[in-house]
């Protein structure tokens, strides 16, 4: 379960969320404060006849509000050719370091926005995929061909009954190695790449009549999901291809740990009518660090090339006075979804916004199965009005600022077994 809240600090200019979503823009005037089940997963995994692995996991929960549930993983794997695992089905292919870190092991309540943006292109829970991963004592790598998400509509819907929906096709790759390791320290370096070589054809109401509807869209919430509002958003970009390239660095020394990633996202724009539009480029990065106050070290998993929670040396016990493990952490993230924001040609401008988030965290691990995460977030969004939005927050100044700043406090309780 997750609990949190936030409020906006507004100027005289009306503030908004995504440029074409009136419902989200209306919610941005007063962010939700309350609780929700972020995720509740139940499933089964195992091995059959030594070499065949499987996983079936279903999840209920949601962002901002709970939904009826969805498939997060349903796959079959073959482990008979070491060091490879071949895998097919629906699952989240590892798109970057933050993505490869299990949601049970993240140092903060949510992953950093720059990592989520890369993950959203061709990864994420419930993604149709096939491919392989391999790992050794000090390295790991993976390559997957991915399609759509499990819940992607297969037709154009009532508004576009004649539109056939062709699924997206992409490649998602990641590799990492341990540069240095001792009893007290470890240094990790890696890289990731996502290439959407065939964007899905969908019924995109914002595309001109007769256009090839193959949109790519980058957007994310401000690293908190109690409210589902997205403040940075490129809008739908008619695309021929898209890439996300990432570089990662991580490590620990005794009970201190740190990691960071830098991303560059490129969308090759497809023009059906009118002048050719330039390709769009965006960037994002984050850096985080933490210190386990009780002296335990974060655990490095060579199979995933990512860190896991510390294991308490002395699990919480009132009778003995043991307190479990305690950790403090801090993270800064920056995502810039602006490209040619002041171009004289309106169609070339992408005013997706620039988001900065500073998060301070205090984590308590009573034992290996339970943890509590308390986060304090400072969020600042700068965004120019992308134009064309006249919903419940009509913006009178065409070039006006529609970003905002706010603070939020959030608590997550989590049980894994």
Protein backbone atom coordinates (compact mmCIF):
# COMPACT_ATOMS: atom_id res chain seq x y z
CA UNK A 1 0.00 0.00 0.00
CA UNK A 2 1.17 3.54 -0.64
CA UNK A 3 0.15 6.75 1.11
CA UNK A 4 1.06 10.29 0.20
CA UNK A 5 -0.11 13.76 -0.72
CA UNK A 6 0.92 16.98 -2.37
CA UNK A 7 -0.28 20.49 -3.11
CA UNK A 8 0.54 23.00 -5.82
CA UNK A 9 2.03 26.46 -5.40
CA UNK A 10 0.24 28.42 -8.13
CA UNK A 11 1.02 31.69 -9.82
CA UNK A 12 -1.49 33.93 -11.59
CA UNK A 13 -1.11 31.93 -14.81
CA UNK A 14 -3.38 28.86 -14.82
CA UNK A 15 -1.40 25.67 -14.42
CA UNK A 16 -2.04 22.45 -16.31
CA UNK A 17 -0.84 18.92 -16.72
CA UNK A 18 -0.62 17.18 -20.10
CA UNK A 19 -1.37 19.52 -22.93
CA UNK A 20 -4.16 17.51 -24.52
CA UNK A 21 -5.75 15.84 -21.51
CA UNK A 22 -8.44 17.99 -19.91
CA UNK A 23 -9.13 15.46 -17.15
CA UNK A 24 -5.51 15.40 -15.98
CA UNK A 25 -5.25 19.17 -16.28
CA UNK A 26 -8.29 19.60 -14.05
CA UNK A 27 -6.84 17.24 -11.45
CA UNK A 28 -3.59 19.22 -11.47
CA UNK A 29 -5.36 22.10 -9.71
CA UNK A 30 -5.71 19.95 -6.59
CA UNK A 31 -3.54 16.85 -6.37
CA UNK A 32 -4.92 13.82 -4.60
CA UNK A 33 -3.97 13.20 -0.99
CA UNK A 34 -4.74 9.78 0.42
CA UNK A 35 -3.82 6.14 0.01
CA UNK A 36 -3.90 3.46 -2.61
CA UNK A 37 -2.70 -0.07 -3.26
CA UNK A 38 0.20 0.56 -5.61
CA UNK A 39 0.52 -3.11 -6.40
CA UNK A 40 -0.67 -6.37 -4.94
CA UNK A 41 0.78 -9.33 -6.80
CA UNK A 42 0.05 -13.00 -6.53
CA UNK A 43 1.40 -15.74 -8.72
CA UNK A 44 3.34 -18.94 -9.09
CA UNK A 45 6.77 -19.70 -10.47
CA UNK A 46 8.86 -22.81 -10.67
CA UNK A 47 10.88 -25.28 -12.74
CA UNK A 48 9.70 -28.36 -14.61
CA UNK A 49 12.01 -31.21 -15.69
CA UNK A 50 15.07 -29.32 -14.47
CA UNK A 51 15.51 -26.95 -17.43
CA UNK A 52 12.06 -25.45 -18.02
CA UNK A 53 11.13 -22.42 -15.91
CA UNK A 54 7.81 -20.60 -15.76
CA UNK A 55 6.18 -17.64 -14.05
CA UNK A 56 2.53 -16.57 -13.88
CA UNK A 57 1.93 -13.34 -11.93
CA UNK A 58 -1.23 -11.25 -11.72
CA UNK A 59 -1.39 -7.79 -10.19
CA UNK A 60 -4.07 -5.48 -8.85
CA UNK A 61 -3.46 -1.93 -7.77
CA UNK A 62 -2.69 1.09 -9.83
CA UNK A 63 -1.49 4.67 -10.19
CA UNK A 64 -3.80 7.15 -8.55
CA UNK A 65 -6.57 4.57 -8.26
CA UNK A 66 -6.88 0.80 -8.18
CA UNK A 67 -8.08 -1.07 -11.25
CA UNK A 68 -9.42 -4.52 -12.02
CA UNK A 69 -6.00 -6.11 -12.37
CA UNK A 70 -3.63 -7.16 -15.13
CA UNK A 71 -1.02 -9.70 -16.15
CA UNK A 72 2.48 -8.60 -15.21
CA UNK A 73 4.32 -11.82 -16.07
CA UNK A 74 3.31 -15.00 -17.89
CA UNK A 75 6.28 -16.67 -19.51
CA UNK A 76 8.12 -19.90 -20.26
CA UNK A 77 11.91 -20.15 -20.09
CA UNK A 78 14.57 -22.69 -21.02
CA UNK A 79 17.80 -22.91 -18.98
CA UNK A 80 19.41 -25.95 -20.57
CA UNK A 81 22.22 -24.10 -22.38
CA UNK A 82 24.35 -22.38 -19.75
CA UNK A 83 24.82 -19.49 -19.16
CA UNK A 84 21.73 -18.54 -21.18
CA UNK A 85 18.04 -18.39 -20.32
CA UNK A 86 15.73 -18.23 -23.32
CA UNK A 87 12.37 -16.68 -22.51
CA UNK A 88 9.05 -16.09 -24.28
CA UNK A 89 5.74 -14.68 -23.10
CA UNK A 90 4.76 -11.48 -21.30
CA UNK A 91 7.23 -9.97 -18.83
CA UNK A 92 9.28 -6.79 -18.21
CA UNK A 93 12.54 -7.01 -20.21
CA UNK A 94 15.35 -5.18 -18.37
CA UNK A 95 15.56 -1.80 -20.10
CA UNK A 96 18.06 -0.09 -17.76
CA UNK A 97 19.61 -0.35 -14.29
CA UNK A 98 16.67 1.17 -12.40
CA UNK A 99 14.30 -1.06 -14.35
CA UNK A 100 16.38 -4.16 -13.60
CA UNK A 101 16.03 -3.37 -9.89
CA UNK A 102 12.96 -5.16 -8.60
CA UNK A 103 10.15 -3.01 -7.23
CA UNK A 104 10.77 -4.96 -4.01
CA UNK A 105 14.33 -3.60 -3.85
CA UNK A 106 14.18 0.01 -5.03
CA UNK A 107 15.62 2.49 -2.55
CA UNK A 108 12.72 4.88 -3.23
CA UNK A 109 8.98 4.45 -3.55
CA UNK A 110 9.08 4.88 -7.34
CA UNK A 111 11.75 4.60 -9.99
CA UNK A 112 13.35 7.77 -11.33
CA UNK A 113 11.47 9.45 -14.18
CA UNK A 114 14.38 9.27 -16.69
CA UNK A 115 14.50 5.48 -16.25
CA UNK A 116 10.70 5.22 -16.51
CA UNK A 117 10.72 7.14 -19.79
CA UNK A 118 13.16 4.66 -21.32
CA UNK A 119 11.25 1.74 -19.84
CA UNK A 120 7.95 2.95 -21.29
CA UNK A 121 9.17 2.88 -24.89
CA UNK A 122 9.33 -0.91 -25.24
CA UNK A 123 9.50 -2.45 -21.76
CA UNK A 124 7.42 -2.48 -18.63
CA UNK A 125 5.21 -5.05 -16.93
CA UNK A 126 3.12 -7.25 -19.19
CA UNK A 127 5.17 -6.64 -22.34
CA UNK A 128 5.04 -9.34 -25.02
CA UNK A 129 8.65 -10.39 -25.54
CA UNK A 130 11.03 -13.14 -26.59
CA UNK A 131 14.78 -13.35 -26.33
CA UNK A 132 17.58 -14.38 -24.03
CA UNK A 133 19.67 -13.29 -21.08
CA UNK A 134 22.99 -14.59 -19.80
CA UNK A 135 25.13 -13.95 -16.75
CA UNK A 136 28.41 -14.90 -15.13
CA UNK A 137 30.08 -14.11 -11.84
CA UNK A 138 30.87 -10.53 -12.83
CA UNK A 139 28.74 -9.74 -15.91
CA UNK A 140 25.28 -9.99 -17.40
CA UNK A 141 23.59 -9.20 -20.68
CA UNK A 142 20.18 -9.47 -22.32
CA UNK A 143 18.52 -8.96 -25.70
CA UNK A 144 14.77 -9.13 -26.30
CA UNK A 145 12.41 -8.56 -29.19
CA UNK A 146 9.33 -6.89 -27.73
CA UNK A 147 5.82 -6.06 -28.89
CA UNK A 148 2.85 -4.35 -27.31
CA UNK A 149 1.63 -4.46 -23.75
CA UNK A 150 -0.87 -7.17 -22.89
CA UNK A 151 -3.79 -4.74 -22.60
CA UNK A 152 -3.14 -2.86 -25.88
CA UNK A 153 -6.35 -2.57 -27.98
CA UNK A 154 -6.31 -4.53 -31.22
CA UNK A 155 -8.62 -2.24 -33.22
CA UNK A 156 -9.29 1.42 -33.73
CA UNK A 157 -12.33 1.52 -31.45
CA UNK A 158 -15.71 3.03 -32.13
CA UNK A 159 -14.31 6.35 -33.38
CA UNK A 160 -12.05 4.67 -35.97
CA UNK A 161 -13.68 1.33 -36.84
CA UNK A 162 -11.74 0.97 -40.09
CA UNK A 163 -8.31 1.33 -38.48
CA UNK A 164 -6.37 -1.88 -37.92
CA UNK A 165 -3.95 -1.74 -35.01
CA UNK A 166 -0.49 -3.08 -35.88
CA UNK A 167 1.56 -3.86 -32.80
CA UNK A 168 4.81 -2.09 -32.07
CA UNK A 169 8.06 -3.99 -32.59
CA UNK A 170 11.30 -3.13 -30.78
CA UNK A 171 14.62 -4.44 -29.49
CA UNK A 172 15.59 -3.97 -25.84
CA UNK A 173 19.18 -4.66 -24.77
CA UNK A 174 21.26 -4.18 -21.65
CA UNK A 175 24.70 -5.27 -20.47
CA UNK A 176 26.90 -4.64 -17.46
CA UNK A 177 30.09 -5.79 -15.81
CA UNK A 178 31.81 -5.48 -12.44
CA UNK A 179 35.00 -3.44 -12.81
CA UNK A 180 36.29 -3.94 -9.29
CA UNK A 181 35.24 -6.00 -6.29
CA UNK A 182 36.45 -6.82 -2.79
CA UNK A 183 34.87 -7.78 0.52
CA UNK A 184 34.08 -4.12 1.23
CA UNK A 185 33.37 -2.63 -2.19
CA UNK A 186 32.05 -3.16 -5.72
CA UNK A 187 32.05 -0.96 -8.84
CA UNK A 188 29.58 -1.64 -11.65
CA UNK A 189 29.34 -0.13 -15.15
CA UNK A 190 26.80 -0.80 -17.87
CA UNK A 191 24.84 0.40 -20.88
CA UNK A 192 21.33 -0.01 -22.23
CA UNK A 193 19.62 0.52 -25.58
CA UNK A 194 16.03 0.42 -26.81
CA UNK A 195 15.19 0.66 -30.52
CA UNK A 196 11.57 0.90 -31.60
CA UNK A 197 12.02 0.08 -35.28
CA UNK A 198 8.31 -0.30 -36.03
CA UNK A 199 6.02 1.97 -33.98
CA UNK A 200 2.54 0.59 -33.53
CA UNK A 201 -0.19 1.85 -35.81
CA UNK A 202 -3.07 3.03 -33.66
CA UNK A 203 -6.20 5.14 -33.85
CA UNK A 204 -4.71 8.45 -32.78
CA UNK A 205 -7.45 11.10 -32.73
CA UNK A 206 -4.89 13.92 -32.70
CA UNK A 207 -3.35 12.88 -36.03
CA UNK A 208 -4.60 14.61 -39.20
CA UNK A 209 -7.28 12.83 -41.19
CA UNK A 210 -5.62 10.36 -43.54
CA UNK A 211 -2.32 10.39 -41.68
CA UNK A 212 -0.44 7.21 -40.83
CA UNK A 213 -1.18 6.94 -37.14
CA UNK A 214 2.03 5.63 -35.57
CA UNK A 215 2.52 7.72 -32.44
CA UNK A 216 5.34 7.63 -29.92
CA UNK A 217 4.69 9.46 -26.65
CA UNK A 218 6.98 10.16 -23.70
CA UNK A 219 5.39 11.19 -20.40
CA UNK A 220 5.58 10.36 -16.71
CA UNK A 221 4.23 11.20 -13.29
CA UNK A 222 6.45 13.08 -10.81
CA UNK A 223 7.87 9.93 -9.16
CA UNK A 224 4.74 9.46 -7.07
CA UNK A 225 1.66 7.41 -7.93
CA UNK A 226 -0.94 8.28 -5.29
CA UNK A 227 -2.00 10.93 -7.80
CA UNK A 228 -1.99 9.79 -11.43
CA UNK A 229 -1.43 13.23 -12.99
CA UNK A 230 1.38 13.55 -15.53
CA UNK A 231 2.97 16.99 -15.80
CA UNK A 232 5.61 16.38 -18.49
CA UNK A 233 4.35 15.01 -21.79
CA UNK A 234 5.56 15.25 -25.39
CA UNK A 235 2.11 14.44 -26.71
CA UNK A 236 1.73 11.97 -29.56
CA UNK A 237 4.54 12.29 -32.11
CA UNK A 238 4.01 10.62 -35.47
CA UNK A 239 7.14 8.49 -35.64
CA UNK A 240 9.05 6.19 -37.93
CA UNK A 241 11.34 4.96 -35.15
CA UNK A 242 12.55 5.81 -31.65
CA UNK A 243 15.61 5.04 -29.53
CA UNK A 244 16.67 5.35 -25.91
CA UNK A 245 20.37 5.02 -25.09
CA UNK A 246 21.59 4.83 -21.50
CA UNK A 247 24.85 4.67 -19.57
CA UNK A 248 24.93 3.49 -15.96
CA UNK A 249 27.35 3.51 -13.04
CA UNK A 250 26.81 2.00 -9.60
CA UNK A 251 28.73 0.74 -6.61
CA UNK A 252 29.03 0.46 -2.88
CA UNK A 253 31.67 0.76 -0.18
CA UNK A 254 30.68 -0.99 3.04
CA UNK A 255 27.28 0.43 4.00
CA UNK A 256 27.38 3.35 1.51
CA UNK A 257 25.95 2.86 -1.97
CA UNK A 258 25.31 5.01 -5.05
CA UNK A 259 24.12 4.73 -8.63
CA UNK A 260 23.22 6.94 -11.57
CA UNK A 261 22.17 6.80 -15.21
CA UNK A 262 22.15 9.17 -18.19
CA UNK A 263 19.68 8.80 -21.07
CA UNK A 264 19.22 10.23 -24.53
CA UNK A 265 15.89 9.66 -26.28
CA UNK A 266 15.49 10.24 -30.03
CA UNK A 267 12.28 10.08 -32.06
CA UNK A 268 12.52 9.95 -35.86
CA UNK A 269 9.54 11.97 -36.96
CA UNK A 270 7.40 10.82 -39.87
CA UNK A 271 5.68 13.50 -41.95
CA UNK A 272 2.72 12.56 -44.13
CA UNK A 273 1.73 16.02 -45.32
CA UNK A 274 3.43 19.40 -45.11
CA UNK A 275 7.12 20.18 -44.60
CA UNK A 276 9.43 17.53 -43.19
CA UNK A 277 9.89 17.89 -39.44
CA UNK A 278 13.25 17.50 -37.67
CA UNK A 279 13.85 14.52 -35.42
CA UNK A 280 13.22 15.12 -31.73
CA UNK A 281 15.90 14.67 -29.05
CA UNK A 282 15.39 14.62 -25.28
CA UNK A 283 17.62 13.89 -22.29
CA UNK A 284 17.33 12.76 -18.70
CA UNK A 285 19.51 11.62 -15.84
CA UNK A 286 19.43 10.80 -12.17
CA UNK A 287 21.90 10.23 -9.34
CA UNK A 288 21.16 8.65 -5.99
CA UNK A 289 23.06 7.59 -2.88
CA UNK A 290 22.26 5.93 0.41
CA UNK A 291 23.77 4.85 3.67
CA UNK A 292 22.61 1.93 5.80
CA UNK A 293 22.82 3.39 9.29
CA UNK A 294 22.94 0.00 11.02
CA UNK A 295 26.02 -1.10 9.05
CA UNK A 296 24.64 -3.68 6.62
CA UNK A 297 25.65 -3.49 2.95
CA UNK A 298 23.31 -3.49 -0.03
CA UNK A 299 23.38 -6.86 -1.80
CA UNK A 300 24.56 -7.00 -5.43
CA UNK A 301 22.86 -9.52 -7.72
CA UNK A 302 25.18 -10.57 -10.54
CA UNK A 303 22.32 -12.29 -12.41
CA UNK A 304 20.40 -9.04 -12.80
CA UNK A 305 23.31 -6.59 -12.56
CA UNK A 306 21.46 -4.58 -9.90
CA UNK A 307 21.31 -4.02 -6.16
CA UNK A 308 18.85 -5.48 -3.66
CA UNK A 309 17.77 -4.59 -0.14
CA UNK A 310 20.14 -5.01 2.80
CA UNK A 311 19.47 -8.04 4.98
CA UNK A 312 19.12 -6.97 8.63
CA UNK A 313 21.87 -8.49 10.80
CA UNK A 314 19.47 -8.28 13.74
CA UNK A 315 15.80 -8.51 12.67
CA UNK A 316 13.33 -6.41 14.62
CA UNK A 317 12.49 -8.00 17.97
CA UNK A 318 10.94 -6.12 20.88
CA UNK A 319 12.07 -8.66 23.45
CA UNK A 320 15.75 -8.30 22.53
CA UNK A 321 15.68 -4.65 21.55
CA UNK A 322 16.89 -5.34 18.01
CA UNK A 323 15.77 -2.73 15.45
CA UNK A 324 16.31 -4.32 12.04
CA UNK A 325 18.11 -2.29 9.33
CA UNK A 326 17.70 1.46 8.79
CA UNK A 327 18.72 3.38 5.68
CA UNK A 328 18.79 7.03 4.57
CA UNK A 329 18.86 7.91 0.88
CA UNK A 330 18.70 10.89 -1.47
CA UNK A 331 18.07 11.21 -5.21
CA UNK A 332 18.07 13.97 -7.82
CA UNK A 333 16.48 13.42 -11.20
CA UNK A 334 16.07 15.62 -14.26
CA UNK A 335 13.96 14.89 -17.35
CA UNK A 336 13.86 17.39 -20.22
CA UNK A 337 11.13 16.71 -22.81
CA UNK A 338 11.53 20.01 -24.69
CA UNK A 339 12.81 20.09 -28.26
CA UNK A 340 12.91 23.26 -30.36
CA UNK A 341 10.48 24.86 -27.92
CA UNK A 342 10.79 28.26 -29.64
CA UNK A 343 10.90 27.12 -33.27
CA UNK A 344 8.98 29.51 -35.57
CA UNK A 345 7.24 26.46 -37.08
CA UNK A 346 4.62 25.42 -34.54
CA UNK A 347 4.56 21.82 -35.80
CA UNK A 348 8.29 21.48 -35.04
CA UNK A 349 7.94 22.61 -31.42
CA UNK A 350 7.73 20.01 -28.66
CA UNK A 351 7.06 21.57 -25.28
CA UNK A 352 6.95 18.46 -23.15
CA UNK A 353 8.35 20.23 -20.11
CA UNK A 354 11.34 19.98 -17.81
CA UNK A 355 10.95 18.17 -14.49
CA UNK A 356 13.32 18.17 -11.52
CA UNK A 357 12.69 16.04 -8.45
CA UNK A 358 14.71 15.88 -5.24
CA UNK A 359 13.73 12.96 -3.02
CA UNK A 360 14.86 12.30 0.54
CA UNK A 361 14.17 8.84 1.93
CA UNK A 362 14.18 6.98 5.23
CA UNK A 363 13.78 3.20 4.94
CA UNK A 364 13.21 0.61 7.64
CA UNK A 365 13.74 -3.12 7.08
CA UNK A 366 12.41 -4.96 10.15
CA UNK A 367 13.29 -8.28 8.48
CA UNK A 368 13.90 -9.70 5.01
CA UNK A 369 10.19 -9.73 4.11
CA UNK A 370 8.87 -6.40 5.36
CA UNK A 371 9.95 -2.84 4.67
CA UNK A 372 8.67 0.72 5.14
CA UNK A 373 9.74 3.59 2.87
CA UNK A 374 9.18 7.24 3.82
CA UNK A 375 9.89 9.78 1.06
CA UNK A 376 9.84 13.57 1.01
CA UNK A 377 9.73 14.99 -2.55
CA UNK A 378 10.53 18.46 -3.86
CA UNK A 379 9.10 18.69 -7.40
CA UNK A 380 9.61 21.52 -9.89
CA UNK A 381 8.15 21.49 -13.41
CA UNK A 382 8.88 24.17 -16.01
CA UNK A 383 6.73 23.90 -19.09
CA UNK A 384 5.61 26.20 -21.87
CA UNK A 385 2.05 25.91 -23.12
CA UNK A 386 2.19 23.44 -26.04
CA UNK A 387 -0.84 25.18 -27.60
CA UNK A 388 -4.16 23.88 -28.72
CA UNK A 389 -5.42 23.03 -25.24
CA UNK A 390 -8.78 24.57 -24.37
CA UNK A 391 -10.15 22.16 -21.77
CA UNK A 392 -11.20 23.13 -18.26
CA UNK A 393 -8.00 25.14 -17.90
CA UNK A 394 -8.03 27.38 -20.95
CA UNK A 395 -4.63 29.08 -21.17
CA UNK A 396 -4.95 32.65 -22.35
CA UNK A 397 -1.22 33.22 -22.92
CA UNK A 398 -0.14 31.04 -25.89
CA UNK A 399 3.45 30.92 -24.67
CA UNK A 400 2.61 31.00 -20.97
CA UNK A 401 4.22 28.90 -18.25
CA UNK A 402 2.01 25.97 -17.18
CA UNK A 403 4.44 24.17 -14.91
CA UNK A 404 4.33 24.12 -11.15
CA UNK A 405 6.22 23.36 -7.95
CA UNK A 406 5.06 21.35 -4.98
CA UNK A 407 6.21 19.14 -2.14
CA UNK A 408 4.86 15.76 -1.09
CA UNK A 409 5.37 13.21 1.63
CA UNK A 410 4.67 9.56 0.94
CA UNK A 411 4.85 6.29 2.86
CA UNK A 412 4.91 2.78 1.44
CA UNK A 413 4.45 -0.43 3.38
CA UNK A 414 5.53 -3.57 1.59
CA UNK A 415 5.42 -7.30 2.27
CA UNK A 416 7.09 -9.86 0.03
CA UNK A 417 7.06 -13.62 0.42
